[in-house]
Amino acid sequence: MADENDPNAFLVGFLSNFTLLIERELLAIRQSVVSTVEAVMHGIEDISLTVEKNKVDSEQILEFTYLHPDEETEELLVDVQHLTDDFIDSIYKQMADGQNLDSFAGKTSAENAMQSGLNRFNLKIDASKDRLTQLDNRLSTTVFSIVGALSAEDLITQRLEHTILSLKSLQTGLSFILIDYEERCRSEEVHRIVKSILNYTYRQYTTEEEKERFLQIFGKGAA
């Protein structure tokens, strides 16, 4: 800072450093705002793409399973349907012949074949369901990241309030000196006012980043 024995030079040096502090604070706040907006926009874009991919996978499941199944799926569906029809027909036939249903307690070869077909079919469905689950997890992660980014809004607001209060403190101190400049622009009085402004400003800072920026400009003795 300027010559401490010259109150005018000391005051000018203080104002220069204080302006530098406020400028750096505003630049840091601006960067926080930009980062927050970019994070939110990226999250929204990711959600849009994820939802679209989710929709595509859902349509593909419906497509290959029911509307236009691939050759393997179609064969599985036909086999299962035939096995099911044959099994039901055999039950009705044996019931019509007066046979006891207890005779069906053990699995027949037809049942085993049908179960095997169902298992193969379920494997294809499960693979597609896994893709949807992964997409749902990704969507949840993206939403949480957006919420986390938006939580920075409170910190930005807080830091803006710190800057405003610091400027008000400066305004109050300078007004006090200028009201009676001839009398109050004395070395000890100017030092007292500057010390008061710096102490008040430092007490407003709640983050280590703010405190470190202050100390880089004014030094530990000013805190």
Protein backbone atom coordinates (compact mmCIF):
# COMPACT_ATOMS: atom_id res chain seq x y z
CA MET A 1 0.00 0.00 0.00
CA ALA A 2 1.13 3.65 -0.46
CA ASP A 3 3.08 5.79 2.05
CA GLU A 4 1.25 5.39 5.34
CA ASN A 5 2.47 8.80 6.53
CA ASP A 6 0.66 10.58 3.70
CA PRO A 7 -3.10 10.12 4.34
CA ASN A 8 -4.04 11.09 0.77
CA ALA A 9 -1.60 8.66 -0.83
CA PHE A 10 -2.54 5.98 1.69
CA LEU A 11 -6.24 6.44 0.92
CA VAL A 12 -5.64 6.32 -2.84
CA GLY A 13 -3.58 3.14 -2.48
CA PHE A 14 -6.28 1.56 -0.34
CA LEU A 15 -9.00 2.44 -2.88
CA SER A 16 -6.90 0.94 -5.67
CA ASN A 17 -6.45 -2.35 -3.79
CA PHE A 18 -10.07 -2.44 -2.66
CA THR A 19 -11.21 -1.95 -6.26
CA LEU A 20 -8.94 -4.83 -7.28
CA LEU A 21 -10.49 -7.02 -4.59
CA ILE A 22 -14.05 -6.27 -5.70
CA GLU A 23 -13.09 -6.81 -9.34
CA ARG A 24 -11.66 -10.25 -8.58
CA GLU A 25 -14.69 -11.14 -6.50
CA LEU A 26 -17.05 -10.22 -9.34
CA LEU A 27 -14.95 -12.18 -11.85
CA ALA A 28 -15.08 -15.25 -9.59
CA ILE A 29 -18.85 -14.86 -9.19
CA ARG A 30 -19.25 -14.52 -12.95
CA GLN A 31 -17.27 -17.74 -13.48
CA SER A 32 -19.48 -19.53 -10.95
CA VAL A 33 -22.60 -18.35 -12.79
CA VAL A 34 -21.21 -19.48 -16.15
CA SER A 35 -20.23 -22.89 -14.75
CA THR A 36 -23.66 -23.36 -13.18
CA VAL A 37 -25.50 -22.47 -16.39
CA GLU A 38 -23.25 -24.74 -18.46
CA ALA A 39 -23.77 -27.64 -16.04
CA VAL A 40 -27.55 -27.21 -16.10
CA MET A 41 -27.70 -26.91 -19.90
CA HIS A 42 -25.47 -29.98 -20.30
CA GLY A 43 -27.72 -31.90 -17.90
CA ILE A 44 -30.88 -30.90 -19.77
CA GLU A 45 -29.33 -31.92 -23.08
CA ASP A 46 -28.22 -35.25 -21.60
CA ILE A 47 -31.72 -35.89 -20.24
CA SER A 48 -33.23 -35.16 -23.64
CA LEU A 49 -30.87 -37.61 -25.33
CA THR A 50 -31.39 -40.23 -22.62
CA VAL A 51 -35.18 -40.00 -22.83
CA GLU A 52 -35.02 -40.30 -26.58
CA LYS A 53 -32.73 -43.35 -26.33
CA ASN A 54 -35.05 -44.83 -23.71
CA LYS A 55 -37.96 -44.39 -26.06
CA VAL A 56 -36.04 -45.99 -28.92
CA ASP A 57 -35.11 -49.02 -26.80
CA SER A 58 -38.70 -49.42 -25.63
CA GLU A 59 -39.93 -49.34 -29.20
CA GLN A 60 -37.27 -51.85 -30.21
CA ILE A 61 -38.42 -54.28 -27.52
CA LEU A 62 -42.00 -54.01 -28.74
CA GLU A 63 -40.83 -54.28 -32.33
CA PHE A 64 -38.66 -57.40 -32.07
CA THR A 65 -40.97 -59.14 -29.60
CA TYR A 66 -44.43 -58.64 -31.06
CA LEU A 67 -44.53 -56.70 -34.33
CA HIS A 68 -41.51 -57.76 -36.37
CA PRO A 69 -39.54 -60.26 -34.29
CA ASP A 70 -36.22 -61.51 -35.59
CA GLU A 71 -35.97 -65.09 -36.82
CA GLU A 72 -34.85 -66.53 -33.48
CA THR A 73 -37.55 -64.73 -31.50
CA GLU A 74 -40.23 -65.68 -34.00
CA GLU A 75 -39.22 -69.35 -33.80
CA LEU A 76 -39.29 -69.17 -30.03
CA LEU A 77 -42.78 -67.65 -30.04
CA VAL A 78 -44.08 -70.24 -32.48
CA ASP A 79 -42.53 -73.13 -30.56
CA VAL A 80 -43.88 -71.91 -27.25
CA GLN A 81 -47.32 -71.38 -28.74
CA HIS A 82 -47.36 -74.89 -30.28
CA LEU A 83 -46.13 -76.51 -27.08
CA THR A 84 -48.71 -74.61 -25.07
CA ASP A 85 -51.53 -75.59 -27.45
CA ASP A 86 -50.45 -79.27 -27.45
CA PHE A 87 -50.19 -79.33 -23.66
CA ILE A 88 -53.65 -77.81 -23.19
CA ASP A 89 -55.16 -80.15 -25.80
CA SER A 90 -53.68 -83.18 -24.02
CA ILE A 91 -55.18 -82.04 -20.72
CA TYR A 92 -58.64 -81.60 -22.22
CA LYS A 93 -58.39 -84.95 -23.98
CA GLN A 94 -57.40 -86.84 -20.87
CA MET A 95 -60.04 -85.03 -18.82
CA ALA A 96 -62.61 -86.07 -21.40
CA ASP A 97 -61.43 -89.66 -21.04
CA GLY A 98 -62.01 -89.40 -17.29
CA GLN A 99 -58.35 -89.47 -16.27
CA ASN A 100 -57.25 -87.93 -12.95
CA LEU A 101 -55.33 -84.64 -13.19
CA ASP A 102 -52.86 -85.97 -10.61
CA SER A 103 -51.25 -87.80 -13.48
CA PHE A 104 -49.86 -84.46 -14.65
CA ALA A 105 -47.88 -83.89 -11.44
CA GLY A 106 -44.59 -84.83 -13.05
CA LYS A 107 -43.16 -82.76 -15.88
CA THR A 108 -43.49 -84.27 -19.34
CA SER A 109 -41.02 -83.85 -22.16
CA ALA A 110 -43.44 -81.36 -23.73
CA GLU A 111 -43.46 -79.28 -20.58
CA ASN A 112 -39.69 -79.38 -20.38
CA ALA A 113 -39.40 -78.25 -23.98
CA MET A 114 -41.89 -75.47 -23.38
CA GLN A 115 -40.00 -74.32 -20.27
CA SER A 116 -36.74 -74.34 -22.21
CA GLY A 117 -38.29 -72.17 -24.91
CA LEU A 118 -39.68 -69.75 -22.35
CA ASN A 119 -36.28 -69.50 -20.68
CA ARG A 120 -34.60 -68.63 -23.97
CA PHE A 121 -37.27 -66.07 -24.74
CA ASN A 122 -36.95 -64.50 -21.29
CA LEU A 123 -33.20 -64.12 -21.77
CA LYS A 124 -33.83 -61.89 -24.79
CA ILE A 125 -36.37 -59.81 -22.88
CA ASP A 126 -34.08 -59.50 -19.86
CA ALA A 127 -31.22 -58.22 -22.02
CA SER A 128 -33.42 -55.42 -23.30
CA LYS A 129 -34.76 -54.66 -19.81
CA ASP A 130 -31.17 -54.32 -18.61
CA ARG A 131 -30.55 -51.65 -21.24
CA LEU A 132 -33.59 -49.74 -20.05
CA THR A 133 -32.48 -50.03 -16.44
CA GLN A 134 -29.07 -48.63 -17.33
CA LEU A 135 -30.71 -45.71 -19.10
CA ASP A 136 -32.95 -45.04 -16.10
CA ASN A 137 -29.90 -45.02 -13.81
CA ARG A 138 -28.13 -42.61 -16.12
CA LEU A 139 -31.19 -40.35 -16.13
CA SER A 140 -31.28 -40.31 -12.33
CA THR A 141 -27.58 -39.48 -12.19
CA THR A 142 -28.08 -36.58 -14.58
CA VAL A 143 -30.98 -35.19 -12.56
CA PHE A 144 -28.88 -35.32 -9.39
CA SER A 145 -26.05 -33.50 -11.18
CA ILE A 146 -28.45 -30.71 -12.20
CA VAL A 147 -29.72 -30.40 -8.64
CA GLY A 148 -26.13 -30.21 -7.45
CA ALA A 149 -25.31 -27.50 -9.98
CA LEU A 150 -28.36 -25.47 -8.98
CA SER A 151 -27.32 -25.67 -5.34
CA ALA A 152 -24.45 -23.33 -6.29
CA GLU A 153 -27.06 -20.60 -6.68
CA ASP A 154 -27.14 -20.10 -2.91
CA LEU A 155 -23.38 -19.68 -2.80
CA ILE A 156 -23.46 -17.19 -5.68
CA THR A 157 -26.17 -15.16 -3.95
CA GLN A 158 -24.19 -15.22 -0.72
CA ARG A 159 -21.03 -13.96 -2.41
CA LEU A 160 -22.92 -11.18 -4.16
CA GLU A 161 -24.28 -10.11 -0.78
CA HIS A 162 -20.72 -10.05 0.60
CA THR A 163 -19.61 -7.79 -2.25
CA ILE A 164 -22.58 -5.45 -1.79
CA LEU A 165 -21.99 -5.18 1.97
CA SER A 166 -18.30 -4.49 1.39
CA LEU A 167 -19.13 -1.65 -1.01
CA LYS A 168 -21.64 -0.23 1.46
CA SER A 169 -18.97 -0.32 4.16
CA LEU A 170 -16.59 1.54 1.83
CA GLN A 171 -19.29 4.08 1.02
CA THR A 172 -19.98 4.69 4.71
CA GLY A 173 -16.28 5.11 5.56
CA LEU A 174 -15.56 7.49 2.69
CA SER A 175 -18.69 9.52 3.42
CA PHE A 176 -17.52 9.94 7.01
CA ILE A 177 -14.15 11.30 5.84
CA LEU A 178 -15.52 13.54 3.09
CA ILE A 179 -18.16 15.17 5.30
CA ASP A 180 -15.33 17.02 7.05
CA TYR A 181 -12.33 16.36 4.85
CA GLU A 182 -10.06 19.04 6.33
CA GLU A 183 -10.51 17.70 9.84
CA ARG A 184 -10.83 13.99 9.22
CA CYS A 185 -8.29 13.41 6.47
CA ARG A 186 -5.56 12.93 9.01
CA SER A 187 -3.23 9.94 9.07
CA GLU A 188 -4.59 8.33 12.24
CA GLU A 189 -8.21 8.93 11.25
CA VAL A 190 -7.77 7.57 7.73
CA HIS A 191 -5.97 4.51 9.09
CA ARG A 192 -8.78 3.91 11.56
CA ILE A 193 -11.48 4.13 8.89
CA VAL A 194 -9.57 1.90 6.47
CA LYS A 195 -8.93 -0.67 9.20
CA SER A 196 -12.63 -0.67 10.05
CA ILE A 197 -13.62 -1.19 6.40
CA LEU A 198 -11.13 -4.03 5.96
CA ASN A 199 -12.15 -5.77 9.18
CA TYR A 200 -15.82 -5.57 8.25
CA THR A 201 -15.14 -6.83 4.72
CA TYR A 202 -13.06 -9.80 5.90
CA ARG A 203 -15.72 -10.79 8.44
CA GLN A 204 -18.28 -11.05 5.63
CA TYR A 205 -16.28 -13.73 3.86
CA THR A 206 -17.35 -17.28 4.70
CA THR A 207 -15.43 -19.27 2.07
CA GLU A 208 -11.72 -20.01 2.06
CA GLU A 209 -11.52 -18.77 -1.53
CA GLU A 210 -12.81 -15.32 -0.53
CA LYS A 211 -10.50 -15.09 2.47
CA GLU A 212 -7.48 -16.17 0.45
CA ARG A 213 -8.21 -13.55 -2.20
CA PHE A 214 -8.49 -10.85 0.47
CA LEU A 215 -5.19 -11.86 2.13
CA GLN A 216 -3.36 -11.92 -1.21
CA ILE A 217 -4.17 -8.23 -1.68
CA PHE A 218 -4.12 -6.78 1.84
CA GLY A 219 -2.03 -9.30 3.80
CA LYS A 220 -2.72 -11.03 7.11
CA GLY A 221 -2.29 -7.81 9.11
CA ALA A 222 -5.39 -6.32 7.50
CA ALA A 223 -7.73 -9.16 8.55
